[in-house]
Every structure is written in C-alpha cells, then in structure tokens.
Amino acid sequence: MLTDIFVALLITLTFLLIFLPVIWLLIWSKTANEESNNEILHCYWSDDHWRTDGSLKLGALERLEETIAIPESEHHVTLHDFLSERLPRPPKSGDTVKAFNLRFVVITRTKNQVGQVSVYTDRLSDRLTFTLAN
C-alpha cells in the first residue's frame, strides 16, 4: 500500500518536472512566433500609395495587399538596403526604383539611411481608361 502511494507520487512528480516544462516551452515558442509575425507595420495609406520608412522589411509589404508578391529571398531585406542595392549611388529624395510590380519613391533621407518611402502598386484599375460616346 505504501509502495502504491510512492509510485503514484513518483509518476506525478515525473509529470510535473518533465512534461509541464515541455508544454510550457511549446506554448511560449508559439506565442513568440506569433508576436514576431505581428510586428507593427509602420505603414499607412496616403491617397494612392503606401507610405512607410526605410527600416521596413520587404516581406512585410505582402501583408498590406494580396496583390503584392515579394520573392522569399528578398523577405529579410529592408527597404533601405533594397534601394541602396538597386541604385548606382546612395539613395536620395526623389529616387525611384521599379520592382515586383511596385514603384518605390524615396521621400526623405536621414544621414545614412532612407527615411520615408512611398510604395505604389501597379494595379489594373489604375490603368483603366474609359471613353464615353458623345
């Protein structure tokens, strides 16, 4: 009888010491992944384009609209790095880069970084024109 209680206590302690930390780690890692995926996007819609800053990663643009498709290899690259790679010199205000059916326009520059960037999407509805009969 005493050994039955001892075995039950041993099983309970084993469960508490081994399985609960494992369950806690699984829950914690899932929460951490969700938080990293839900990073705050410092973007806002302005008339006909998105306005953001140069520190935004290109992959985050896909969360703005379903029509935006950025290659997986470019997801980790910031807008500043992307624009710096595409231009023959350091980016400055007014520079434009077209890629991924998007047009990136540098609005401001702060010291060595791209500040604000406008991102225009190439939508079919933007290219439609109508001719009305007289």
C-alpha atoms as a PDB file:
ATOM      1  CA  MET A   1       0.000   0.000   0.000  1.00  0.00           C
ATOM      2  CA  LEU A   2       2.793   2.382   0.841  1.00  0.00           C
ATOM      3  CA  THR A   3       4.598   1.458  -2.371  1.00  0.00           C
ATOM      4  CA  ASP A   4       1.440   2.203  -4.416  1.00  0.00           C
ATOM      5  CA  ILE A   5       1.302   5.721  -2.965  1.00  0.00           C
ATOM      6  CA  PHE A   6       5.040   6.121  -3.564  1.00  0.00           C
ATOM      7  CA  VAL A   7       4.677   5.039  -7.222  1.00  0.00           C
ATOM      8  CA  ALA A   8       1.727   7.420  -7.745  1.00  0.00           C
ATOM      9  CA  LEU A   9       3.712  10.267  -6.182  1.00  0.00           C
ATOM     10  CA  LEU A  10       6.740   9.415  -8.321  1.00  0.00           C
ATOM     11  CA  ILE A  11       4.641   9.421 -11.512  1.00  0.00           C
ATOM     12  CA  THR A  12       3.066  12.769 -10.560  1.00  0.00           C
ATOM     13  CA  LEU A  13       6.456  14.336  -9.853  1.00  0.00           C
ATOM     14  CA  THR A  14       7.851  12.993 -13.114  1.00  0.00           C
ATOM     15  CA  PHE A  15       4.925  14.507 -14.990  1.00  0.00           C
ATOM     16  CA  LEU A  16       5.339  17.868 -13.270  1.00  0.00           C
ATOM     17  CA  LEU A  17       9.103  18.023 -13.753  1.00  0.00           C
ATOM     18  CA  ILE A  18       9.276  16.780 -17.343  1.00  0.00           C
ATOM     19  CA  PHE A  19       6.027  17.289 -19.205  1.00  0.00           C
ATOM     20  CA  LEU A  20       4.864  20.644 -17.856  1.00  0.00           C
ATOM     21  CA  PRO A  21       8.085  22.474 -18.835  1.00  0.00           C
ATOM     22  CA  VAL A  22       7.873  20.905 -22.306  1.00  0.00           C
ATOM     23  CA  ILE A  23       4.261  22.036 -22.688  1.00  0.00           C
ATOM     24  CA  TRP A  24       5.185  25.500 -21.406  1.00  0.00           C
ATOM     25  CA  LEU A  25       8.051  25.755 -23.919  1.00  0.00           C
ATOM     26  CA  LEU A  26       5.764  24.762 -26.786  1.00  0.00           C
ATOM     27  CA  ILE A  27       3.193  27.381 -25.820  1.00  0.00           C
ATOM     28  CA  TRP A  28       5.889  30.036 -25.314  1.00  0.00           C
ATOM     29  CA  SER A  29       7.555  29.363 -28.679  1.00  0.00           C
ATOM     30  CA  LYS A  30       4.197  29.568 -30.487  1.00  0.00           C
ATOM     31  CA  THR A  31       3.446  32.896 -28.791  1.00  0.00           C
ATOM     32  CA  ALA A  32       6.908  34.228 -29.647  1.00  0.00           C
ATOM     33  CA  ASN A  33       6.431  33.298 -33.322  1.00  0.00           C
ATOM     34  CA  GLU A  34       3.044  34.991 -33.436  1.00  0.00           C
ATOM     35  CA  GLU A  35       4.490  38.159 -31.907  1.00  0.00           C
ATOM     36  CA  SER A  36       7.330  38.270 -34.439  1.00  0.00           C
ATOM     37  CA  ASN A  37       4.874  37.735 -37.301  1.00  0.00           C
ATOM     38  CA  ASN A  38       2.642  40.501 -35.978  1.00  0.00           C
ATOM     39  CA  GLU A  39       5.350  43.138 -35.814  1.00  0.00           C
ATOM     40  CA  ILE A  40       3.868  46.576 -36.063  1.00  0.00           C
ATOM     41  CA  LEU A  41       3.886  47.803 -39.626  1.00  0.00           C
ATOM     42  CA  HIS A  42       4.773  51.465 -39.708  1.00  0.00           C
ATOM     43  CA  CYS A  43       2.781  51.978 -42.903  1.00  0.00           C
ATOM     44  CA  TYR A  44      -0.233  53.997 -43.780  1.00  0.00           C
ATOM     45  CA  TRP A  45      -2.309  54.547 -46.884  1.00  0.00           C
ATOM     46  CA  SER A  46      -1.971  58.009 -48.419  1.00  0.00           C
ATOM     47  CA  ASP A  47      -4.260  58.772 -51.376  1.00  0.00           C
ATOM     48  CA  ASP A  48      -2.964  56.236 -53.938  1.00  0.00           C
ATOM     49  CA  HIS A  49       0.096  54.682 -52.283  1.00  0.00           C
ATOM     50  CA  TRP A  50       1.552  53.243 -49.116  1.00  0.00           C
ATOM     51  CA  ARG A  51       3.856  55.431 -47.016  1.00  0.00           C
ATOM     52  CA  THR A  52       6.458  53.759 -44.805  1.00  0.00           C
ATOM     53  CA  ASP A  53      10.022  54.110 -43.589  1.00  0.00           C
ATOM     54  CA  GLY A  54      13.249  52.595 -44.883  1.00  0.00           C
ATOM     55  CA  SER A  55      13.630  50.160 -41.974  1.00  0.00           C
ATOM     56  CA  LEU A  56      10.602  48.089 -43.047  1.00  0.00           C
ATOM     57  CA  LYS A  57      11.449  44.634 -44.388  1.00  0.00           C
ATOM     58  CA  LEU A  58      10.281  43.916 -47.927  1.00  0.00           C
ATOM     59  CA  GLY A  59       8.445  40.767 -46.825  1.00  0.00           C
ATOM     60  CA  ALA A  60       6.152  42.886 -44.645  1.00  0.00           C
ATOM     61  CA  LEU A  61       4.761  44.578 -47.752  1.00  0.00           C
ATOM     62  CA  GLU A  62       2.943  41.347 -48.646  1.00  0.00           C
ATOM     63  CA  ARG A  63       0.763  41.794 -45.582  1.00  0.00           C
ATOM     64  CA  LEU A  64      -0.513  45.111 -46.896  1.00  0.00           C
ATOM     65  CA  GLU A  65      -2.209  43.789 -50.024  1.00  0.00           C
ATOM     66  CA  GLU A  66      -2.859  40.394 -51.565  1.00  0.00           C
ATOM     67  CA  THR A  67      -1.580  41.605 -54.941  1.00  0.00           C
ATOM     68  CA  ILE A  68       1.946  42.272 -53.637  1.00  0.00           C
ATOM     69  CA  ALA A  69       4.330  39.345 -54.170  1.00  0.00           C
ATOM     70  CA  ILE A  70       7.926  39.618 -52.977  1.00  0.00           C
ATOM     71  CA  PRO A  71      10.342  36.711 -53.632  1.00  0.00           C
ATOM     72  CA  GLU A  72      11.242  34.733 -50.484  1.00  0.00           C
ATOM     73  CA  SER A  73      14.920  35.574 -50.972  1.00  0.00           C
ATOM     74  CA  GLU A  74      14.112  39.284 -50.508  1.00  0.00           C
ATOM     75  CA  HIS A  75      11.852  38.998 -47.419  1.00  0.00           C
ATOM     76  CA  HIS A  76      14.590  39.807 -44.902  1.00  0.00           C
ATOM     77  CA  VAL A  77      15.947  42.849 -46.770  1.00  0.00           C
ATOM     78  CA  THR A  78      14.970  46.325 -45.529  1.00  0.00           C
ATOM     79  CA  LEU A  79      13.705  48.953 -47.942  1.00  0.00           C
ATOM     80  CA  HIS A  80      16.884  50.958 -47.315  1.00  0.00           C
ATOM     81  CA  ASP A  81      19.142  48.027 -48.253  1.00  0.00           C
ATOM     82  CA  PHE A  82      16.967  47.144 -51.246  1.00  0.00           C
ATOM     83  CA  LEU A  83      17.038  50.690 -52.612  1.00  0.00           C
ATOM     84  CA  SER A  84      20.784  51.004 -51.940  1.00  0.00           C
ATOM     85  CA  GLU A  85      21.420  47.812 -53.952  1.00  0.00           C
ATOM     86  CA  ARG A  86      19.277  48.932 -56.900  1.00  0.00           C
ATOM     87  CA  LEU A  87      20.641  52.461 -57.251  1.00  0.00           C
ATOM     88  CA  PRO A  88      24.149  53.248 -58.540  1.00  0.00           C
ATOM     89  CA  ARG A  89      24.736  55.701 -55.654  1.00  0.00           C
ATOM     90  CA  PRO A  90      23.315  56.281 -52.171  1.00  0.00           C
ATOM     91  CA  PRO A  91      19.564  56.904 -52.354  1.00  0.00           C
ATOM     92  CA  LYS A  92      18.340  60.484 -52.198  1.00  0.00           C
ATOM     93  CA  SER A  93      14.941  62.175 -52.189  1.00  0.00           C
ATOM     94  CA  GLY A  94      13.063  61.657 -55.441  1.00  0.00           C
ATOM     95  CA  ASP A  95      14.864  58.460 -56.478  1.00  0.00           C
ATOM     96  CA  THR A  96      12.553  55.839 -57.989  1.00  0.00           C
ATOM     97  CA  VAL A  97      13.015  52.081 -58.237  1.00  0.00           C
ATOM     98  CA  LYS A  98      10.567  49.759 -60.018  1.00  0.00           C
ATOM     99  CA  ALA A  99      10.462  46.102 -58.987  1.00  0.00           C
ATOM    100  CA  PHE A 100       7.896  43.381 -58.146  1.00  0.00           C
ATOM    101  CA  ASN A 101       5.132  45.399 -59.895  1.00  0.00           C
ATOM    102  CA  LEU A 102       5.773  48.146 -57.337  1.00  0.00           C
ATOM    103  CA  ARG A 103       7.278  51.597 -57.620  1.00  0.00           C
ATOM    104  CA  PHE A 104       9.375  52.759 -54.674  1.00  0.00           C
ATOM    105  CA  VAL A 105       9.961  56.505 -54.344  1.00  0.00           C
ATOM    106  CA  VAL A 106      12.382  57.875 -51.746  1.00  0.00           C
ATOM    107  CA  ILE A 107      10.718  60.794 -49.970  1.00  0.00           C
ATOM    108  CA  THR A 108      13.217  61.670 -47.236  1.00  0.00           C
ATOM    109  CA  ARG A 109      16.705  60.688 -46.235  1.00  0.00           C
ATOM    110  CA  THR A 110      18.215  60.905 -42.750  1.00  0.00           C
ATOM    111  CA  LYS A 111      22.020  60.938 -42.546  1.00  0.00           C
ATOM    112  CA  ASN A 112      22.990  57.495 -43.923  1.00  0.00           C
ATOM    113  CA  GLN A 113      19.521  55.937 -44.069  1.00  0.00           C
ATOM    114  CA  VAL A 114      16.442  56.169 -46.247  1.00  0.00           C
ATOM    115  CA  GLY A 115      13.749  57.886 -44.212  1.00  0.00           C
ATOM    116  CA  GLN A 116      10.268  57.852 -45.723  1.00  0.00           C
ATOM    117  CA  VAL A 117       9.374  55.803 -48.812  1.00  0.00           C
ATOM    118  CA  SER A 118       6.225  55.824 -50.927  1.00  0.00           C
ATOM    119  CA  VAL A 119       5.240  52.449 -52.380  1.00  0.00           C
ATOM    120  CA  TYR A 120       2.904  52.497 -55.378  1.00  0.00           C
ATOM    121  CA  THR A 121       1.194  49.315 -56.556  1.00  0.00           C
ATOM    122  CA  ASP A 122       0.719  48.559 -60.239  1.00  0.00           C
ATOM    123  CA  ARG A 123      -2.992  47.831 -60.221  1.00  0.00           C
ATOM    124  CA  LEU A 124      -5.122  47.075 -63.235  1.00  0.00           C
ATOM    125  CA  SER A 125      -7.757  49.535 -62.020  1.00  0.00           C
ATOM    126  CA  ASP A 126      -5.165  52.352 -62.079  1.00  0.00           C
ATOM    127  CA  ARG A 127      -4.550  51.728 -65.793  1.00  0.00           C
ATOM    128  CA  LEU A 128      -8.160  51.545 -66.973  1.00  0.00           C
ATOM    129  CA  THR A 129      -9.444  54.410 -69.043  1.00  0.00           C
ATOM    130  CA  PHE A 130     -12.953  54.869 -70.283  1.00  0.00           C
ATOM    131  CA  THR A 131     -14.117  56.558 -73.460  1.00  0.00           C
ATOM    132  CA  LEU A 132     -17.657  57.815 -73.343  1.00  0.00           C
ATOM    133  CA  ALA A 133     -19.648  58.152 -76.538  1.00  0.00           C
ATOM    134  CA  ASN A 134     -20.868  61.645 -77.431  1.00  0.00           C
END
